[in-house]
Every structure is written in structure tokens, then in C-alpha cells.
């Protein structure tokens, strides 16, 4: 007994042939995707195009609930979401971790296509016509646009992850593509909004691109260093001086977010010193990078603090005693969870770990049978005796004569 992945109304059981399985899977696309998108393109920026995002999202998740296989439909979805600014409906797909890209040659052959335990990489392939081979820029564009969609939702954590996927993507040579550089610039700014400092490049970043990143994004790195260690007035001056850079890179909105975040990080850092503090003191100890000056009134400071608490950006409470100014009380441990909430969090974490363990086993098996990785291991063994002459080559820094993009 086996069933085809998908909605419960599209199930095939018992003895199912490969052709029947493929027809059933294609029916999902024929019904939910292909009729929608051409009409959406013709009605660009209209309500019809806006509403088309949800059906495409549903079709993708019916084929692959894990969302771990990148497909042409993912790219279609994220571009339509960007065109219509309907980020919310696309988010359930864009939040999924991409583990596989089409065209990989080291995939194990499934015995039954209808096996519910199959990895999506086994059946969402060009051979089954459920996917197509993607071009190198298309993969980078997906990660970049996904990051931009999360930025639109102010979801800095997922935005940082998507942009990081573009920044660390393998390259044939030491020069990163224009898309990768654009992603790096946004990655710096999102890192400031999330952590309040210039984040180090991930260890998986190849040495060649990392050197070029520092050169090509120097104004952004300078701004980040001032954000971390400089004053509000200096940060504003640097932002004003680079107006043309930010505009050319379409990052003006993010820069404005960074300027607004400067004082908010100052307020959060007060928790390292105070357990309670009055609003007038908050205004006195912090400065707005949007203006380069302190807030004009305590009422403006109270409004800012209240907004941060409501958005969940500040773990604190605001009280108004009968006499005296409002008091801000910090909660270092954050919001306390009830027992049912804690149980749900633990159950969700357990499910994520189990799913991740399964995918790790699958990717380990794929890597073990990958010809490029086998060549790499053989080369490392040959060079093992010569390690004193220099550092051994990293897996993501293969020699130029090895085409690491061949799988794409």
C-alpha cells in the first residue's frame, strides 16, 4: 500500500505504475499552477496577480511539504511575490531551508516513486518533468529575492539566512557575481538590524569571494563599524554621505531602518546596567541616529519604548506610578512561557530535529557518492604528507580545473 504525496483528494493506492504516479503529480501543477501564472503576469500589479501567490504556494507545498527541493516554481513564486509585494502568502515556502537543487547526479534511485519516505530530490527531478535544470544566476536570484521578501516582513532572521545562502554559494573562480555582492550588502545591513554589529562572514564562504566582498562593499562595512562603535551623529553623517551608494543599490529603505534601530539597540543595552529606569533617563542616555540628536520630549521616548515592547523587540514593561515619570522595568529572561506553550515549543523542536536528522543522512549519502567529493578526498590523501608545505585545500575551495558548477 502506498500513496502519492499531495492533497488527500489526490491519492492512489495499492499497485500503482510509474506513469500513473507521474500523471497524478502533474495534475497538481495543471490544476493549481499553470492556469494561474500566465493570467497573473497579464494582470501584473493587479488584485488577480496578488491573489495568485497563495495557489502557487499551495501547489509547491503539496508536491513537497518539506520545501527543501528548489524548483522553477519557487522562482516563479518569489518573483510574483516581489512584483505584487504579497510577501505574507509566499512566506510559508520562502521560510523552508533549501537543501537540494535540480540536476544533481549522485541521487539514489528510488524503488517506488510513491514511497512516502522519499526525499523530494528523488522524485522532483527533470526526468519526471516536475522540475527543470536551473541556471546558476536563477539559484542566486531565488536566495536574494527570498531575503528581500523577508526584509519586507521585517523577519530579519530568515532574511539573514536567505542572503547568507547567496553570499556563501560556490563559485567557479575567486570573483563573486553581481547578485552575490548585492546579497552581501543587504546581509551586512540585516545583520545590523538583528545583532547590532558587523557579523563575520560564515566559515563556508570561499576565500576568493570573501576578499572581494570587503573591497566591493567597503561603504557598508564602514557604516556597520560606526553603528557598532561610533556615535549617532557620526552614523548619520556617514549615512548622508553615502546617499548615492544606497540609492544605486536600492538599499535606501534598509539604511533608514538601520538609523532607526541605532537608538533601539541603545535602549536594549540599558538592561545590562539597569533593572529599572525612568523614561526621562532613557531619553537622556540615548540618541537618535535619524536626527543626530536626543529625542525632544519624554513623551517621544515613551512612545518609542512602548512601540518596541508591542513589537516584541524589548523584553520589558512600562509602568506609570501616581507620582513621577513612567518607569521602564527590564525582563532579562524574556517573556515567560506557560506550561502548555513550553510543551508545544519542545514538541516543535523535537519534530524539527528529527526532520533535520533525516535530511542530514540523505545529504551525507549524496555527498559520499559525488564524483567531485571523491576526487577531493583522493587529492587530500595524496597531499597529506605535504601538509607542512602549506594548508590543505578546503572542500569549498576546489582547484580551478574542477568544474564545481557542473551539477547545475
Protein backbone atom coordinates (compact mmCIF):
# COMPACT_ATOMS: atom_id res chain seq x y z
CA UNK A 1 0.00 0.00 0.00
CA UNK A 2 1.39 3.37 -0.91
CA UNK A 3 0.11 6.83 -1.70
CA UNK A 4 1.19 9.76 -3.83
CA UNK A 5 2.32 12.84 -1.95
CA UNK A 6 -0.20 15.61 -2.10
CA UNK A 7 -3.66 16.65 -1.03
CA UNK A 8 -5.80 13.90 0.45
CA UNK A 9 -8.20 14.08 -2.53
CA UNK A 10 -5.37 13.08 -4.90
CA UNK A 11 -4.41 9.67 -3.56
CA UNK A 12 -3.53 6.50 -5.45
CA UNK A 13 -3.22 3.27 -3.51
CA UNK A 14 -2.18 -0.38 -3.99
CA UNK A 15 -0.47 -1.34 -7.26
CA UNK A 16 0.39 1.96 -8.93
CA UNK A 17 2.52 2.29 -12.05
CA UNK A 18 5.17 4.92 -12.61
CA UNK A 19 3.18 6.57 -15.40
CA UNK A 20 0.08 6.75 -13.22
CA UNK A 21 2.11 8.31 -10.41
CA UNK A 22 3.54 10.93 -12.74
CA UNK A 23 0.12 11.76 -14.17
CA UNK A 24 -1.24 12.28 -10.68
CA UNK A 25 1.67 14.51 -9.68
CA UNK A 26 1.40 16.54 -12.89
CA UNK A 27 -2.32 17.01 -12.23
CA UNK A 28 -1.44 19.13 -9.22
CA UNK A 29 0.55 21.53 -11.37
CA UNK A 30 -2.01 21.51 -14.18
CA UNK A 31 -4.74 22.34 -11.72
CA UNK A 32 -3.06 24.78 -9.36
CA UNK A 33 -0.05 26.40 -11.05
CA UNK A 34 -0.10 26.52 -14.84
CA UNK A 35 -3.60 28.08 -15.17
CA UNK A 36 -2.72 30.75 -12.60
CA UNK A 37 0.61 32.25 -13.57
CA UNK A 38 0.03 33.32 -17.21
CA UNK A 39 -3.07 35.17 -16.08
CA UNK A 40 -1.11 36.66 -13.20
CA UNK A 41 1.58 38.00 -15.49
CA UNK A 42 -1.01 39.68 -17.73
CA UNK A 43 -2.55 41.28 -14.66
CA UNK A 44 0.73 42.40 -13.09
CA UNK A 45 0.33 44.63 -10.04
CA UNK A 46 -3.41 43.90 -10.04
CA UNK A 47 -5.52 42.10 -7.45
CA UNK A 48 -5.55 38.96 -9.62
CA UNK A 49 -1.76 38.75 -9.54
CA UNK A 50 -1.76 39.39 -5.79
CA UNK A 51 -4.20 36.53 -5.21
CA UNK A 52 -2.23 34.16 -7.43
CA UNK A 53 0.59 33.85 -4.88
CA UNK A 54 -1.36 31.61 -2.49
CA UNK A 55 -2.37 28.93 -5.08
CA UNK A 56 1.22 28.66 -6.33
CA UNK A 57 2.46 28.35 -2.73
CA UNK A 58 -0.11 25.61 -2.08
CA UNK A 59 0.91 23.67 -5.18
CA UNK A 60 4.59 23.75 -4.19
CA UNK A 61 3.88 22.53 -0.67
CA UNK A 62 1.55 19.77 -1.92
CA UNK A 63 4.35 18.36 -4.02
CA UNK A 64 6.98 18.80 -1.32
CA UNK A 65 5.75 19.66 2.19
CA UNK A 66 9.36 19.95 3.37
CA UNK A 67 10.07 22.64 0.76
CA UNK A 68 13.70 21.51 0.64
CA UNK A 69 13.92 21.00 -3.14
CA UNK A 70 14.43 24.16 -5.18
CA UNK A 71 12.24 24.21 -8.28
CA UNK A 72 11.40 26.57 -11.11
CA UNK A 73 8.09 27.15 -9.35
CA UNK A 74 9.94 28.54 -6.31
CA UNK A 75 11.50 31.18 -8.55
CA UNK A 76 8.13 31.89 -10.16
CA UNK A 77 6.60 32.32 -6.68
CA UNK A 78 9.24 34.65 -5.25
CA UNK A 79 9.26 36.87 -8.34
CA UNK A 80 5.48 37.17 -8.29
CA UNK A 81 5.58 37.92 -4.55
CA UNK A 82 8.14 40.66 -5.17
CA UNK A 83 6.14 42.14 -8.06
CA UNK A 84 2.90 42.27 -6.04
CA UNK A 85 4.53 42.76 -2.60
CA UNK A 86 2.46 39.84 -1.32
CA UNK A 87 5.24 38.53 0.91
CA UNK A 88 2.98 37.11 3.59
CA UNK A 89 1.31 34.49 1.37
CA UNK A 90 4.67 33.38 -0.06
CA UNK A 91 6.41 33.18 3.34
CA UNK A 92 5.50 29.52 4.16
CA UNK A 93 7.56 28.41 1.15
CA UNK A 94 10.31 31.01 1.41
CA UNK A 95 11.00 30.07 5.04
CA UNK A 96 11.84 26.48 4.11
CA UNK A 97 15.51 25.51 4.06
CA UNK A 98 16.69 24.66 0.53
CA UNK A 99 18.85 21.52 0.65
CA UNK A 100 18.70 20.32 -2.95
CA UNK A 101 18.93 21.84 -6.42
CA UNK A 102 17.86 20.08 -9.64
CA UNK A 103 20.34 18.25 -11.80
CA UNK A 104 22.37 16.60 -9.05
CA UNK A 105 23.85 13.36 -10.41
CA UNK A 106 24.55 11.39 -7.24
CA UNK A 107 20.95 10.76 -6.23
CA UNK A 108 19.93 7.24 -5.18
CA UNK A 109 17.35 5.62 -7.46
CA UNK A 110 14.02 5.08 -5.66
CA UNK A 111 12.44 1.65 -5.85
CA UNK A 112 8.93 3.10 -5.68
CA UNK A 113 8.11 6.66 -6.67
CA UNK A 114 5.07 6.55 -4.37
CA UNK A 115 7.14 5.80 -1.26
CA UNK A 116 6.08 8.44 1.27
CA UNK A 117 9.52 8.40 2.90
CA UNK A 118 11.29 9.51 -0.28
CA UNK A 119 13.40 12.62 -0.26
CA UNK A 120 11.96 15.25 -2.64
CA UNK A 121 15.25 15.14 -4.52
CA UNK A 122 14.33 11.62 -5.63
CA UNK A 123 11.10 12.43 -7.45
CA UNK A 124 11.05 16.20 -8.13
CA UNK A 125 13.52 15.99 -10.99
CA UNK A 126 13.82 17.00 -14.65
CA UNK A 127 13.37 13.31 -15.52
CA UNK A 128 9.86 13.28 -14.00
CA UNK A 129 9.14 16.68 -15.58
CA UNK A 130 8.32 18.07 -12.14
CA UNK A 131 11.36 20.30 -12.32
CA UNK A 132 13.88 21.73 -14.76
CA UNK A 133 17.60 22.35 -14.53
CA UNK A 134 18.14 25.83 -13.20
CA UNK A 135 20.79 28.25 -14.32
CA UNK A 136 23.37 29.43 -11.83
CA UNK A 137 22.02 33.04 -11.69
CA UNK A 138 18.47 31.75 -11.12
CA UNK A 139 19.51 29.94 -7.95
CA UNK A 140 21.24 33.05 -6.63
CA UNK A 141 18.24 35.19 -7.57
CA UNK A 142 15.94 32.94 -5.55
CA UNK A 143 18.02 33.36 -2.40
CA UNK A 144 18.37 37.12 -2.94
CA UNK A 145 14.66 37.70 -3.63
CA UNK A 146 13.66 35.46 -0.72
CA UNK A 147 15.84 37.55 1.56
CA UNK A 148 14.25 40.74 0.22
CA UNK A 149 10.77 39.32 0.81
CA UNK A 150 11.66 38.56 4.43
CA UNK A 151 13.04 42.08 4.75
CA UNK A 152 9.63 43.33 3.64
CA UNK A 153 8.13 41.31 6.51
CA UNK A 154 10.77 42.58 8.97
CA UNK A 155 11.73 38.94 9.51
CA UNK A 156 15.43 39.60 9.98
CA UNK A 157 16.40 36.06 10.98
CA UNK A 158 15.04 34.39 7.83
CA UNK A 159 16.25 37.29 5.69
CA UNK A 160 19.77 36.82 7.04
CA UNK A 161 19.65 33.09 6.30
CA UNK A 162 18.47 33.56 2.70
CA UNK A 163 21.03 36.26 1.95
CA UNK A 164 23.75 34.16 3.56
CA UNK A 165 22.85 31.29 1.18
CA UNK A 166 23.58 33.62 -1.74
CA UNK A 167 26.75 35.05 -0.19
CA UNK A 168 28.29 31.62 0.51
CA UNK A 169 27.19 29.92 -2.73
CA UNK A 170 30.05 28.15 -4.57
CA UNK A 171 31.77 29.98 -7.40
CA UNK A 172 33.97 28.81 -10.26
CA UNK A 173 36.60 31.46 -9.60
CA UNK A 174 37.54 33.97 -6.93
CA UNK A 175 35.16 36.66 -8.18
CA UNK A 176 31.65 36.73 -6.73
CA UNK A 177 28.80 37.51 -9.11
CA UNK A 178 26.94 40.80 -9.03
CA UNK A 179 24.00 39.05 -7.36
CA UNK A 180 26.25 37.73 -4.59
CA UNK A 181 27.72 41.19 -3.96
CA UNK A 182 24.23 42.68 -3.81
CA UNK A 183 23.21 39.99 -1.33
CA UNK A 184 26.30 40.69 0.79
CA UNK A 185 25.48 44.40 1.06
CA UNK A 186 21.98 43.61 2.26
CA UNK A 187 23.35 40.87 4.54
CA UNK A 188 25.51 43.46 6.33
CA UNK A 189 22.53 45.75 6.93
CA UNK A 190 20.22 42.95 8.05
CA UNK A 191 22.95 41.73 10.41
CA UNK A 192 22.99 45.19 11.99
CA UNK A 193 19.22 45.13 12.42
CA UNK A 194 19.36 41.70 14.01
CA UNK A 195 22.58 41.73 16.06
CA UNK A 196 23.65 45.38 16.16
CA UNK A 197 27.13 44.70 14.81
CA UNK A 198 29.09 43.76 11.68
CA UNK A 199 28.82 39.98 11.51
CA UNK A 200 31.85 37.94 10.40
CA UNK A 201 31.49 36.11 7.13
CA UNK A 202 30.38 32.47 7.57
CA UNK A 203 33.22 29.95 7.58
CA UNK A 204 31.72 28.30 4.50
CA UNK A 205 32.49 31.41 2.42
CA UNK A 206 35.24 30.78 -0.12
CA UNK A 207 38.40 32.81 0.45
CA UNK A 208 38.37 34.41 -3.04
CA UNK A 209 34.89 35.94 -2.86
CA UNK A 210 35.37 36.98 0.77
CA UNK A 211 38.30 39.22 -0.19
CA UNK A 212 36.29 40.80 -2.99
CA UNK A 213 33.30 41.33 -0.72
CA UNK A 214 35.38 43.51 1.62
CA UNK A 215 36.53 45.65 -1.30
CA UNK A 216 33.23 45.96 -3.15
CA UNK A 217 31.12 46.64 -0.05
CA UNK A 218 33.54 48.89 1.83
CA UNK A 219 30.99 51.73 2.43
CA UNK A 220 28.60 49.23 4.03
CA UNK A 221 31.26 47.74 6.27
CA UNK A 222 32.34 51.23 7.35
CA UNK A 223 28.75 52.12 8.21
CA UNK A 224 28.40 48.88 10.21
CA UNK A 225 31.57 49.57 12.19
CA UNK A 226 30.33 53.06 13.08
CA UNK A 227 26.96 51.59 14.10
CA UNK A 228 28.75 49.24 16.48
CA UNK A 229 31.34 51.62 17.95
CA UNK A 230 30.55 55.19 16.87
CA UNK A 231 28.15 57.94 17.84
CA UNK A 232 24.69 58.68 16.47
CA UNK A 233 25.81 61.91 14.82
CA UNK A 234 28.73 60.19 13.09
CA UNK A 235 26.46 57.38 11.90
CA UNK A 236 24.02 59.90 10.46
CA UNK A 237 26.86 61.77 8.72
CA UNK A 238 28.14 58.53 7.16
CA UNK A 239 24.64 57.62 6.01
CA UNK A 240 24.14 61.07 4.49
CA UNK A 241 27.50 60.91 2.72
CA UNK A 242 26.61 57.60 1.07
CA UNK A 243 23.14 58.55 -0.12
CA UNK A 244 24.05 57.93 -3.77
CA UNK A 245 25.54 54.50 -2.98
CA UNK A 246 22.46 53.39 -1.09
CA UNK A 247 20.17 54.69 -3.83
CA UNK A 248 22.12 52.97 -6.61
CA UNK A 249 21.95 49.68 -4.70
CA UNK A 250 18.23 50.12 -3.85
CA UNK A 251 19.11 49.96 -0.15
CA UNK A 252 17.84 53.36 0.99
CA UNK A 253 14.95 51.78 2.90
CA UNK A 254 17.28 49.44 4.77
CA UNK A 255 19.61 52.30 5.64
CA UNK A 256 16.68 54.19 7.16
CA UNK A 257 15.81 51.07 9.17
CA UNK A 258 19.40 50.91 10.41
CA UNK A 259 19.35 54.55 11.52
CA UNK A 260 16.08 53.96 13.38
CA UNK A 261 17.49 50.82 15.01
CA UNK A 262 20.53 52.59 16.49
CA UNK A 263 18.67 54.16 19.41
CA UNK A 264 16.63 51.00 19.91
CA UNK A 265 19.82 48.99 20.45
CA UNK A 266 20.99 51.65 22.91
CA UNK A 267 17.75 51.22 24.86
CA UNK A 268 18.11 47.42 24.93
CA UNK A 269 21.70 47.74 26.14
CA UNK A 270 20.50 49.72 29.16
CA UNK A 271 19.25 46.38 30.51
CA UNK A 272 22.91 45.42 31.07
CA UNK A 273 23.19 48.22 33.62
CA UNK A 274 19.72 48.90 34.96
CA UNK A 275 16.83 46.76 36.11
CA UNK A 276 14.56 49.81 36.26
CA UNK A 277 14.97 53.25 34.72
CA UNK A 278 12.71 56.25 34.20
CA UNK A 279 11.73 57.39 30.72
CA UNK A 280 13.43 60.80 31.09
CA UNK A 281 16.66 58.97 31.91
CA UNK A 282 16.21 56.77 28.82
CA UNK A 283 15.87 59.92 26.71
CA UNK A 284 18.95 61.42 28.35
CA UNK A 285 21.15 58.33 27.84
CA UNK A 286 20.26 57.54 24.22
CA UNK A 287 20.47 59.44 20.93
CA UNK A 288 18.57 59.15 17.66
CA UNK A 289 20.69 58.45 14.59
CA UNK A 290 17.81 59.62 12.41
CA UNK A 291 18.35 63.20 13.59
CA UNK A 292 21.72 63.01 15.33
CA UNK A 293 20.14 64.47 18.48
CA UNK A 294 18.35 63.26 21.58
CA UNK A 295 14.57 62.94 21.49
CA UNK A 296 12.83 66.25 22.06
CA UNK A 297 10.43 65.17 24.81
CA UNK A 298 9.93 62.32 27.32
CA UNK A 299 6.63 61.61 25.55
CA UNK A 300 8.55 60.77 22.37
CA UNK A 301 10.78 58.41 24.36
CA UNK A 302 7.77 56.74 25.95
CA UNK A 303 6.13 56.23 22.56
CA UNK A 304 9.33 54.66 21.19
CA UNK A 305 9.69 52.29 24.16
CA UNK A 306 6.01 51.31 24.01
CA UNK A 307 6.28 50.52 20.29
CA UNK A 308 9.37 48.34 20.89
CA UNK A 309 7.53 46.40 23.63
CA UNK A 310 4.49 45.85 21.42
CA UNK A 311 6.64 44.55 18.55
CA UNK A 312 8.43 42.15 20.90
CA UNK A 313 11.76 43.92 20.37
CA UNK A 314 12.16 44.85 24.04
CA UNK A 315 11.56 42.47 26.94
CA UNK A 316 10.31 44.98 29.46
CA UNK A 317 7.20 46.54 30.94
CA UNK A 318 6.19 50.17 31.29
CA UNK A 319 4.50 51.37 34.49
CA UNK A 320 3.12 54.77 35.41
CA UNK A 321 3.31 55.50 39.14
CA UNK A 322 0.84 58.01 40.66
CA UNK A 323 3.64 60.50 41.04
CA UNK A 324 6.75 60.81 38.93
CA UNK A 325 7.61 59.83 35.37
CA UNK A 326 6.87 56.43 33.72
CA UNK A 327 9.23 53.61 34.74
CA UNK A 328 10.72 51.05 32.37
CA UNK A 329 11.33 47.66 34.03
CA UNK A 330 13.51 45.21 32.10
CA UNK A 331 12.81 41.46 31.98
CA UNK A 332 16.22 39.83 31.37
CA UNK A 333 14.77 36.35 30.91
CA UNK A 334 12.27 37.48 28.29
CA UNK A 335 8.62 36.54 28.14
CA UNK A 336 7.76 33.63 30.44
CA UNK A 337 6.03 30.69 28.74
CA UNK A 338 3.14 28.78 30.24
CA UNK A 339 3.45 25.01 30.61
CA UNK A 340 1.29 24.26 27.52
CA UNK A 341 3.34 26.75 25.49
CA UNK A 342 6.56 25.13 26.68
CA UNK A 343 5.27 21.69 25.71
CA UNK A 344 4.35 22.93 22.23
CA UNK A 345 7.79 24.51 21.82
CA UNK A 346 9.51 21.27 22.87
CA UNK A 347 7.33 19.19 20.53
CA UNK A 348 8.04 21.53 17.61
CA UNK A 349 11.79 21.48 18.35
CA UNK A 350 11.78 17.68 18.51
CA UNK A 351 9.99 17.45 15.15
CA UNK A 352 12.48 19.86 13.55
CA UNK A 353 15.45 17.89 14.89
CA UNK A 354 14.03 14.60 13.63
CA UNK A 355 13.38 16.08 10.17
CA UNK A 356 16.86 17.61 10.10
CA UNK A 357 18.48 14.31 11.09
CA UNK A 358 16.75 12.58 8.19
CA UNK A 359 17.93 15.21 5.72
CA UNK A 360 21.48 15.07 7.07
CA UNK A 361 21.61 11.33 6.44
CA UNK A 362 20.33 11.88 2.89
CA UNK A 363 22.81 14.66 2.07
CA UNK A 364 25.68 12.66 3.61
CA UNK A 365 24.84 9.75 1.33
CA UNK A 366 24.65 12.03 -1.71
CA UNK A 367 27.98 13.65 -0.87
CA UNK A 368 29.64 10.28 -0.36
CA UNK A 369 28.74 9.26 -3.91
CA UNK A 370 29.52 12.62 -5.52
CA UNK A 371 32.38 12.36 -8.03
CA UNK A 372 33.78 15.81 -7.19
CA UNK A 373 33.91 14.99 -3.49
CA UNK A 374 35.60 11.65 -4.18
CA UNK A 375 38.26 13.45 -6.25
CA UNK A 376 38.69 15.91 -3.40
CA UNK A 377 39.20 13.14 -0.82
CA UNK A 378 41.71 11.35 -3.06
CA UNK A 379 43.64 14.58 -3.59
CA UNK A 380 43.67 15.26 0.17
CA UNK A 381 45.09 11.83 0.87
CA UNK A 382 47.83 12.36 -1.69
CA UNK A 383 48.68 15.74 -0.19
CA UNK A 384 48.54 14.57 3.41
CA UNK A 385 52.27 14.01 3.58
CA UNK A 386 52.89 17.56 2.29
CA UNK A 387 50.78 19.47 4.83
CA UNK A 388 53.91 21.11 6.24
CA UNK A 389 54.34 23.00 2.97
CA UNK A 390 51.01 24.79 3.36
CA UNK A 391 47.42 24.43 4.50
CA UNK A 392 45.35 21.66 2.98
CA UNK A 393 42.71 22.70 0.47
CA UNK A 394 39.15 23.16 1.72
CA UNK A 395 36.22 21.31 0.10
CA UNK A 396 34.67 24.60 -0.98
CA UNK A 397 37.96 25.79 -2.47
CA UNK A 398 38.46 23.20 -5.20
CA UNK A 399 41.09 23.69 -7.86
CA UNK A 400 40.10 25.77 -10.87
CA UNK A 401 40.20 22.79 -13.21
CA UNK A 402 37.37 21.13 -11.32
CA UNK A 403 34.01 22.43 -12.51
CA UNK A 404 32.02 22.60 -9.28
CA UNK A 405 29.12 24.15 -11.17
CA UNK A 406 28.67 21.14 -13.46
CA UNK A 407 25.81 19.79 -11.39
CA UNK A 408 23.77 22.95 -12.05
